[in-house]
C-alpha cells in the first residue's frame, strides 16, 4: 500500500471515528434512565428525561455560531475543543447528586457535539469526491450505530452497578482525540477564510442558506423526533410492562443499533435498488415497527418492532445527509450540516416535552404505549414530507 493510500485510510478512520460519538450522544445513557429516575424520585419524570435531551438544546444553540467558528479556527483545533467538552462533560456528570448540576455538565456534552457533529459529516464532503460520498456516508451512519451499540451495552452494564458509572461511556471520545490529533490536517474547511473582507462576503452569501436547505432540515427534524421516541421511552415502557427484565432491555436496544449498523453498511446497495424512493423506506419501516410495539408487549413483538425501528434509523440518516451534502458540495460543513445538526438535536430536545404535553392532553385515554402510537403517526407524516426530497435524491444519484 502506497504512503498516499495509507494516509488517506488513516484520515478516513479518524473522520469516521467521530461518528461513533454523535447521533446517540444524548441517548447514550438511556438504558440507565430508570436508575436515574429512581435516584431522583422526588424530581419530575420530564426533568429526569432532560438528562438525555438537554444536550440537544445546546447543540441547537451551537448550530447558530458554528459556521463562524468554522471560518475563524482551523479544523483540528476546533475539533479538539469539542472532543474535550464531550469527554469531560459527559464522564463527570455522574458524580453529582443534584439533578441541576448533572444537567449543567450534560450541556457541555451538547456544546461539544455541536462542534463534532457537523465536522463528522462535513469533513467527508470536504476531503472526498461525490462518487465516494454515498459509501462514506453509509459508513458514517454505521459508525453512529456502532457507537450506539457500544454505549448502550456499556451503559446498561455499568448502570447495573450504579447509574453514576453509566456516564463513563463518554470516555470513548478519547479514541477520536488520539486519531484526530495524529491524522487530521489542521486547516480551514470553510470557503471565505483569511481576511475580514472575505468573511463579510461569506456572511452575505449565507443569508439564503435556510431557503436553500430548509426541506432537509424539516425532514431531519421529523425523522429524529420519530426515532428518538424509542430511546427516550423504550426502557421505561418495557420496564412498566414487566415482561422483560431490566438486564435484557439494554440488550434489545443494542440489538436495534446493530440492525442500524448493518443497514448503514448496506446503504449504497439499498439506494441503488430503490433510487429516488429510498427516502420512503425509512418512514414506512418506522410506521410498521412502532405499530408492532404499540400493539404488543410480548418478546417477539418487542424484538421485531425494535429491529424495524433500527432498520429505519440506519437508512434514513445517511439518505438525508448524503443527499443534502451533495447539493452543498465542499461547503457542506459550514452550510447545510449545521442546519441538519440543529434540526436533529432540536427534535431530540423537544421530543420528551411534546410527548409530555400529548400525555397530559390524553387524560383518561392515556396508556403506557401511547408514545409508540404518536411515533407511528409521525412516521406517516415523515413519509409525506420525504416525497419533497425526491427531486434532490434523483439529482444526487446522477
Protein backbone atom coordinates (compact mmCIF):
# COMPACT_ATOMS: atom_id res chain seq x y z
CA UNK A 1 0.00 0.00 0.00
CA UNK A 2 1.45 3.37 -1.00
CA UNK A 3 2.07 6.11 1.52
CA UNK A 4 -0.68 8.23 -0.05
CA UNK A 5 -3.24 5.42 0.28
CA UNK A 6 -2.14 4.79 3.86
CA UNK A 7 -2.54 8.46 4.74
CA UNK A 8 -5.97 8.51 3.07
CA UNK A 9 -7.05 5.43 5.00
CA UNK A 10 -5.85 6.95 8.28
CA UNK A 11 -7.70 10.19 7.51
CA UNK A 12 -10.90 8.24 6.77
CA UNK A 13 -10.53 6.29 10.02
CA UNK A 14 -10.05 9.49 12.02
CA UNK A 15 -13.11 11.17 10.49
CA UNK A 16 -15.34 8.10 10.84
CA UNK A 17 -14.32 7.74 14.49
CA UNK A 18 -16.18 10.99 15.14
CA UNK A 19 -19.39 9.31 14.00
CA UNK A 20 -19.12 6.90 16.92
CA UNK A 21 -19.85 9.83 19.21
CA UNK A 22 -22.53 11.94 17.59
CA UNK A 23 -26.16 11.00 16.87
CA UNK A 24 -26.65 8.97 20.06
CA UNK A 25 -24.65 11.41 22.22
CA UNK A 26 -27.62 12.42 24.33
CA UNK A 27 -29.20 8.98 24.46
CA UNK A 28 -26.01 7.03 25.25
CA UNK A 29 -27.09 6.70 28.88
CA UNK A 30 -30.74 5.92 28.03
CA UNK A 31 -30.54 2.37 29.47
CA UNK A 32 -29.71 3.93 32.85
CA UNK A 33 -32.70 6.26 32.79
CA UNK A 34 -34.77 4.06 35.07
CA UNK A 35 -31.98 4.02 37.66
CA UNK A 36 -31.59 7.79 37.36
CA UNK A 37 -35.35 8.20 37.86
CA UNK A 38 -35.23 6.01 40.97
CA UNK A 39 -32.38 8.06 42.44
CA UNK A 40 -34.08 11.39 41.68
CA UNK A 41 -37.52 10.10 42.62
CA UNK A 42 -38.57 13.48 44.02
CA UNK A 43 -37.99 15.14 40.64
CA UNK A 44 -40.48 15.09 37.77
CA UNK A 45 -40.15 12.46 35.05
CA UNK A 46 -39.82 15.18 32.42
CA UNK A 47 -36.85 16.72 34.29
CA UNK A 48 -35.14 13.33 34.52
CA UNK A 49 -35.70 12.73 30.80
CA UNK A 50 -33.88 16.01 30.22
CA UNK A 51 -30.72 14.11 31.16
CA UNK A 52 -30.78 12.60 27.68
CA UNK A 53 -32.40 15.53 25.89
CA UNK A 54 -30.71 18.65 27.30
CA UNK A 55 -27.50 18.15 25.27
CA UNK A 56 -29.68 18.62 22.21
CA UNK A 57 -30.66 22.15 23.27
CA UNK A 58 -27.04 23.25 23.38
CA UNK A 59 -26.26 21.52 20.10
CA UNK A 60 -29.04 23.60 18.57
CA UNK A 61 -27.57 26.78 20.04
CA UNK A 62 -24.12 25.85 18.74
CA UNK A 63 -25.53 25.42 15.24
CA UNK A 64 -26.03 29.18 15.03
CA UNK A 65 -22.39 30.01 15.80
CA UNK A 66 -20.62 27.01 14.28
CA UNK A 67 -20.27 28.44 10.73
CA UNK A 68 -18.43 31.47 12.14
CA UNK A 69 -16.22 29.28 14.34
CA UNK A 70 -15.51 27.09 11.33
CA UNK A 71 -14.27 30.08 9.33
CA UNK A 72 -12.14 31.57 12.10
CA UNK A 73 -10.49 28.43 13.51
CA UNK A 74 -8.67 25.55 11.91
CA UNK A 75 -10.48 22.23 11.86
CA UNK A 76 -8.29 20.21 14.22
CA UNK A 77 -8.05 22.95 16.84
CA UNK A 78 -11.80 23.43 16.86
CA UNK A 79 -12.42 19.71 16.94
CA UNK A 80 -10.13 19.18 19.93
CA UNK A 81 -12.17 21.70 21.93
CA UNK A 82 -15.36 19.87 21.02
CA UNK A 83 -13.93 16.48 21.95
CA UNK A 84 -12.61 17.78 25.28
CA UNK A 85 -16.04 19.13 26.22
CA UNK A 86 -17.61 15.84 25.14
CA UNK A 87 -15.30 13.65 27.22
CA UNK A 88 -15.12 15.83 30.33
CA UNK A 89 -18.73 16.99 30.39
CA UNK A 90 -20.03 13.51 29.67
CA UNK A 91 -17.98 11.43 32.06
CA UNK A 92 -18.09 13.81 35.05
CA UNK A 93 -21.88 14.32 35.06
CA UNK A 94 -22.40 11.16 37.10
CA UNK A 95 -20.53 12.37 40.20
CA UNK A 96 -23.24 14.85 41.20
CA UNK A 97 -26.25 14.30 43.44
CA UNK A 98 -28.03 17.43 42.29
CA UNK A 99 -30.06 16.98 39.12
CA UNK A 100 -29.34 20.53 38.00
CA UNK A 101 -25.57 20.01 38.21
CA UNK A 102 -25.99 16.81 36.21
CA UNK A 103 -27.87 18.80 33.57
CA UNK A 104 -25.20 21.52 33.61
CA UNK A 105 -22.48 19.06 32.65
CA UNK A 106 -24.80 17.43 30.14
CA UNK A 107 -24.98 20.85 28.50
CA UNK A 108 -21.19 20.73 28.00
CA UNK A 109 -21.69 17.50 26.09
CA UNK A 110 -24.14 19.38 23.89
CA UNK A 111 -21.67 22.16 23.16
CA UNK A 112 -19.03 19.56 22.30
CA UNK A 113 -21.31 17.63 19.96
CA UNK A 114 -22.40 20.92 18.40
CA UNK A 115 -18.83 21.13 17.14
CA UNK A 116 -18.23 17.44 16.43
CA UNK A 117 -21.46 16.63 14.56
CA UNK A 118 -21.13 18.96 11.54
CA UNK A 119 -17.42 18.13 11.37
CA UNK A 120 -18.07 14.38 11.29
CA UNK A 121 -20.04 14.63 8.06
CA UNK A 122 -18.75 17.92 6.65
CA UNK A 123 -15.16 16.66 6.57
CA UNK A 124 -16.27 13.80 4.32
CA UNK A 125 -17.74 16.31 1.87
CA UNK A 126 -14.57 18.41 2.08
CA UNK A 127 -11.98 15.69 1.53
CA UNK A 128 -13.80 13.23 -0.74
CA UNK A 129 -15.39 13.47 -4.17
CA UNK A 130 -19.12 12.95 -4.73
CA UNK A 131 -18.68 9.47 -6.16
CA UNK A 132 -17.23 8.30 -2.83
CA UNK A 133 -19.61 10.16 -0.53
CA UNK A 134 -22.58 7.73 -0.61
CA UNK A 135 -20.37 4.88 0.57
CA UNK A 136 -18.69 7.01 3.24
CA UNK A 137 -21.99 8.45 4.46
CA UNK A 138 -23.25 4.89 4.82
CA UNK A 139 -20.12 4.03 6.81
CA UNK A 140 -20.63 7.15 8.91
CA UNK A 141 -24.19 6.08 9.71
CA UNK A 142 -22.93 2.59 10.53
CA UNK A 143 -20.38 4.09 12.92
CA UNK A 144 -23.19 6.11 14.52
CA UNK A 145 -24.99 2.89 15.25
CA UNK A 146 -21.90 1.02 16.35
CA UNK A 147 -21.28 3.83 18.80
CA UNK A 148 -24.85 3.30 19.97
CA UNK A 149 -24.25 -0.44 20.40
CA UNK A 150 -21.07 0.09 22.41
CA UNK A 151 -22.52 2.90 24.51
CA UNK A 152 -25.85 1.15 25.13
CA UNK A 153 -24.32 -2.14 26.21
CA UNK A 154 -21.64 -0.44 28.30
CA UNK A 155 -24.13 1.95 29.92
CA UNK A 156 -26.51 -0.93 30.66
CA UNK A 157 -23.79 -2.99 32.35
CA UNK A 158 -22.41 -0.03 34.27
CA UNK A 159 -25.91 1.05 35.34
CA UNK A 160 -26.44 -2.40 36.89
CA UNK A 161 -23.66 -1.42 39.31
CA UNK A 162 -24.52 2.28 39.65
CA UNK A 163 -26.25 4.86 37.49
CA UNK A 164 -23.25 7.12 38.10
CA UNK A 165 -20.89 4.76 36.30
CA UNK A 166 -23.01 4.75 33.14
CA UNK A 167 -21.69 8.22 32.27
CA UNK A 168 -18.18 6.79 31.83
CA UNK A 169 -19.22 5.68 28.33
CA UNK A 170 -18.22 9.16 27.17
CA UNK A 171 -14.58 8.25 27.69
CA UNK A 172 -14.80 6.53 24.30
CA UNK A 173 -14.24 10.02 22.90
CA UNK A 174 -10.57 9.63 23.80
CA UNK A 175 -10.20 7.30 20.80
CA UNK A 176 -11.18 10.14 18.46
CA UNK A 177 -8.90 12.55 20.29
CA UNK A 178 -5.90 10.30 19.58
CA UNK A 179 -6.82 9.60 15.94
CA UNK A 180 -7.66 13.20 15.01
CA UNK A 181 -4.55 14.60 16.69
CA UNK A 182 -2.45 12.15 14.68
CA UNK A 183 -4.09 12.06 11.26
CA UNK A 184 -6.41 15.05 10.72
CA UNK A 185 -4.88 18.03 8.88
CA UNK A 186 -5.20 21.33 10.71
CA UNK A 187 -6.66 23.55 8.02
CA UNK A 188 -9.63 25.78 7.33
CA UNK A 189 -12.51 23.82 5.82
CA UNK A 190 -14.79 26.76 5.09
CA UNK A 191 -14.73 28.86 1.95
CA UNK A 192 -14.01 32.53 2.53
CA UNK A 193 -11.41 32.41 5.31
CA UNK A 194 -8.33 34.55 5.62
CA UNK A 195 -9.47 38.16 5.73
CA UNK A 196 -12.32 40.03 7.34
CA UNK A 197 -13.46 41.18 3.93
CA UNK A 198 -13.82 37.59 2.75
CA UNK A 199 -15.66 36.67 5.94
CA UNK A 200 -18.12 39.50 5.42
CA UNK A 201 -18.70 38.36 1.86
CA UNK A 202 -19.29 34.83 3.08
CA UNK A 203 -21.77 36.13 5.65
CA UNK A 204 -23.72 37.77 2.85
CA UNK A 205 -23.69 34.59 0.81
CA UNK A 206 -25.02 32.59 3.75
CA UNK A 207 -28.19 34.65 4.16
CA UNK A 208 -30.24 32.50 1.75
CA UNK A 209 -28.85 29.21 3.12
CA UNK A 210 -32.03 28.45 5.07
CA UNK A 211 -34.17 28.85 1.99
CA UNK A 212 -31.85 26.56 0.03
CA UNK A 213 -31.82 23.70 2.52
CA UNK A 214 -34.93 24.11 4.68
CA UNK A 215 -36.58 20.97 3.26
CA UNK A 216 -33.71 18.85 4.52
CA UNK A 217 -33.93 20.45 7.97
CA UNK A 218 -37.68 19.80 8.21
CA UNK A 219 -37.33 16.17 7.15
CA UNK A 220 -34.43 15.68 9.58
CA UNK A 221 -36.49 17.15 12.44
CA UNK A 222 -39.47 14.87 11.83
CA UNK A 223 -37.20 11.89 11.26
CA UNK A 224 -35.30 12.34 14.53
CA UNK A 225 -38.46 13.11 16.51
CA UNK A 226 -39.91 9.84 15.22
CA UNK A 227 -36.80 7.86 16.07
CA UNK A 228 -35.96 9.49 19.40
CA UNK A 229 -39.23 8.36 20.93
CA UNK A 230 -37.66 4.90 21.02
CA UNK A 231 -34.55 5.62 23.20
CA UNK A 232 -36.48 8.16 25.28
CA UNK A 233 -39.39 5.84 26.11
CA UNK A 234 -38.47 2.22 25.43
CA UNK A 235 -36.67 1.44 28.70
CA UNK A 236 -39.43 2.91 30.87
CA UNK A 237 -42.35 1.46 28.87
CA UNK A 238 -40.79 -2.02 28.73
CA UNK A 239 -39.95 -1.92 32.42
CA UNK A 240 -43.53 -0.89 33.23
CA UNK A 241 -44.91 -3.76 31.14
CA UNK A 242 -42.97 -6.08 33.45
CA UNK A 243 -42.46 -8.84 30.88
CA UNK A 244 -38.80 -8.20 30.02
CA UNK A 245 -36.20 -7.77 32.77
CA UNK A 246 -34.03 -4.68 33.08
CA UNK A 247 -30.91 -6.65 32.07
CA UNK A 248 -32.39 -7.55 28.68
CA UNK A 249 -33.70 -4.05 27.89
CA UNK A 250 -30.18 -2.79 27.17
CA UNK A 251 -29.51 -5.89 25.04
CA UNK A 252 -32.61 -5.27 22.91
CA UNK A 253 -31.72 -1.60 22.47
CA UNK A 254 -28.18 -2.58 21.46
CA UNK A 255 -29.66 -5.10 19.01
CA UNK A 256 -31.65 -2.28 17.43
CA UNK A 257 -28.39 -0.39 16.94
CA UNK A 258 -26.76 -3.48 15.40
CA UNK A 259 -29.54 -3.67 12.81
CA UNK A 260 -28.97 0.02 12.03
CA UNK A 261 -25.22 -0.62 11.80
CA UNK A 262 -25.68 -3.34 9.18
CA UNK A 263 -28.18 -1.15 7.37
CA UNK A 264 -25.67 1.71 7.18
CA UNK A 265 -23.07 -0.59 5.62
CA UNK A 266 -25.67 -1.61 3.02
CA UNK A 267 -26.85 1.93 2.28
CA UNK A 268 -25.30 2.14 -1.20
CA UNK A 269 -26.92 -1.14 -2.29
CA UNK A 270 -30.30 -0.12 -0.92
CA UNK A 271 -30.08 3.28 -2.59
CA UNK A 272 -29.09 1.71 -5.91
CA UNK A 273 -32.09 -0.61 -5.62
CA UNK A 274 -34.68 1.96 -4.51
CA UNK A 275 -33.31 5.04 -6.29
CA UNK A 276 -35.16 8.27 -5.52
CA UNK A 277 -37.71 6.34 -3.44
CA UNK A 278 -35.09 5.42 -0.85
CA UNK A 279 -36.41 8.24 1.33
CA UNK A 280 -39.77 6.45 1.72
CA UNK A 281 -38.33 3.20 3.05
CA UNK A 282 -37.35 4.53 6.48
CA UNK A 283 -40.73 6.18 7.26
CA UNK A 284 -42.60 3.02 6.30
CA UNK A 285 -40.32 0.85 8.46
CA UNK A 286 -40.84 3.29 11.35
CA UNK A 287 -44.63 3.06 10.93
CA UNK A 288 -44.67 -0.74 10.92
CA UNK A 289 -42.14 -1.05 13.75
CA UNK A 290 -43.90 1.35 16.08
CA UNK A 291 -47.23 -0.19 15.17
CA UNK A 292 -45.99 -3.55 16.41
CA UNK A 293 -44.57 -2.02 19.60
CA UNK A 294 -47.87 -0.22 20.22
CA UNK A 295 -49.96 -3.36 19.92
CA UNK A 296 -47.86 -5.82 21.92
CA UNK A 297 -45.55 -6.10 24.91
CA UNK A 298 -44.51 -9.70 24.30
CA UNK A 299 -40.97 -10.76 23.42
CA UNK A 300 -41.50 -11.42 19.66
CA UNK A 301 -43.27 -8.11 19.06
CA UNK A 302 -40.77 -6.08 21.09
CA UNK A 303 -37.83 -7.59 19.20
CA UNK A 304 -39.46 -7.27 15.76
CA UNK A 305 -40.58 -3.68 16.40
CA UNK A 306 -37.16 -2.68 17.71
CA UNK A 307 -35.45 -4.24 14.68
CA UNK A 308 -37.66 -2.31 12.25
CA UNK A 309 -37.03 0.96 14.11
CA UNK A 310 -33.31 0.21 13.90
CA UNK A 311 -33.59 -0.53 10.17
CA UNK A 312 -35.33 2.79 9.57
CA UNK A 313 -32.76 4.72 11.59
CA UNK A 314 -29.81 3.11 9.81
CA UNK A 315 -31.18 4.01 6.39
CA UNK A 316 -32.77 7.43 6.99
CA UNK A 317 -29.80 9.31 8.44
CA UNK A 318 -27.33 8.62 5.58
CA UNK A 319 -30.06 9.30 3.00
CA UNK A 320 -30.77 12.79 4.35
CA UNK A 321 -27.11 13.67 4.95
CA UNK A 322 -25.74 12.35 1.66
CA UNK A 323 -28.50 13.96 -0.42
CA UNK A 324 -28.05 17.34 1.25
CA UNK A 325 -24.24 17.28 1.31
CA UNK A 326 -24.06 16.51 -2.39
CA UNK A 327 -26.20 19.53 -3.05
CA UNK A 328 -24.00 21.73 -0.83
CA UNK A 329 -20.65 20.40 -2.10
CA UNK A 330 -17.42 21.18 -0.23
CA UNK A 331 -19.08 23.95 1.77
CA UNK A 332 -21.42 21.44 3.45
CA UNK A 333 -19.64 21.66 6.84
CA UNK A 334 -20.38 25.37 7.11
CA UNK A 335 -23.79 25.47 5.42
CA UNK A 336 -26.23 22.56 5.45
CA UNK A 337 -24.58 20.43 8.17
CA UNK A 338 -25.14 22.95 10.99
CA UNK A 339 -28.78 23.20 9.88
CA UNK A 340 -29.16 19.42 9.97
CA UNK A 341 -27.47 19.27 13.38
CA UNK A 342 -29.84 21.92 14.67
CA UNK A 343 -32.90 20.07 13.33
CA UNK A 344 -31.70 16.68 14.56
CA UNK A 345 -30.98 17.76 18.10
CA UNK A 346 -33.89 20.17 18.37
CA UNK A 347 -36.06 17.11 17.75
CA UNK A 348 -34.24 15.21 20.50
CA UNK A 349 -34.72 18.06 22.94
CA UNK A 350 -38.39 18.67 22.19
CA UNK A 351 -39.49 15.02 21.89
CA UNK A 352 -39.95 14.44 25.66
CA UNK A 353 -41.67 17.82 26.04
CA UNK A 354 -44.07 17.15 23.17
CA UNK A 355 -44.80 13.64 24.45
CA UNK A 356 -45.46 15.01 27.94
CA UNK A 357 -47.93 17.53 26.51
CA UNK A 358 -49.69 14.83 24.47
CA UNK A 359 -49.89 12.54 27.51
CA UNK A 360 -51.45 15.31 29.58
CA UNK A 361 -53.94 16.12 26.84
CA UNK A 362 -54.89 12.44 26.51
CA UNK A 363 -56.08 12.36 30.12
CA UNK A 364 -58.08 9.21 30.79
CA UNK A 365 -57.25 7.89 27.32
CA UNK A 366 -53.55 7.72 28.19
CA UNK A 367 -51.85 4.30 28.02
CA UNK A 368 -48.20 3.45 28.56
CA UNK A 369 -47.84 2.61 24.85
CA UNK A 370 -49.21 5.96 23.68
CA UNK A 371 -45.72 7.25 22.68
CA UNK A 372 -45.47 4.43 20.14
CA UNK A 373 -48.78 5.48 18.58
CA UNK A 374 -47.52 9.08 18.38
CA UNK A 375 -44.33 7.84 16.71
CA UNK A 376 -46.34 5.82 14.17
CA UNK A 377 -48.40 8.87 13.21
CA UNK A 378 -45.20 10.94 12.99
CA UNK A 379 -43.74 8.29 10.65
CA UNK A 380 -46.65 8.72 8.24
CA UNK A 381 -46.12 12.50 8.26
CA UNK A 382 -42.43 11.84 7.59
CA UNK A 383 -43.31 9.72 4.57
CA UNK A 384 -45.31 12.58 3.10
CA UNK A 385 -42.52 15.11 3.73
CA UNK A 386 -39.87 12.76 2.31
CA UNK A 387 -41.58 12.94 -1.07
CA UNK A 388 -40.47 16.59 -1.23
CA UNK A 389 -36.84 15.38 -1.43
CA UNK A 390 -37.48 13.09 -4.38
CA UNK A 391 -36.16 15.61 -6.91
CA UNK A 392 -32.98 16.24 -4.89
CA UNK A 393 -32.50 12.49 -4.44
CA UNK A 394 -32.75 11.93 -8.20
CA UNK A 395 -30.19 14.67 -8.84
CA UNK A 396 -27.71 13.41 -6.23
CA UNK A 397 -27.91 9.90 -7.64
CA UNK A 398 -26.75 11.06 -11.07
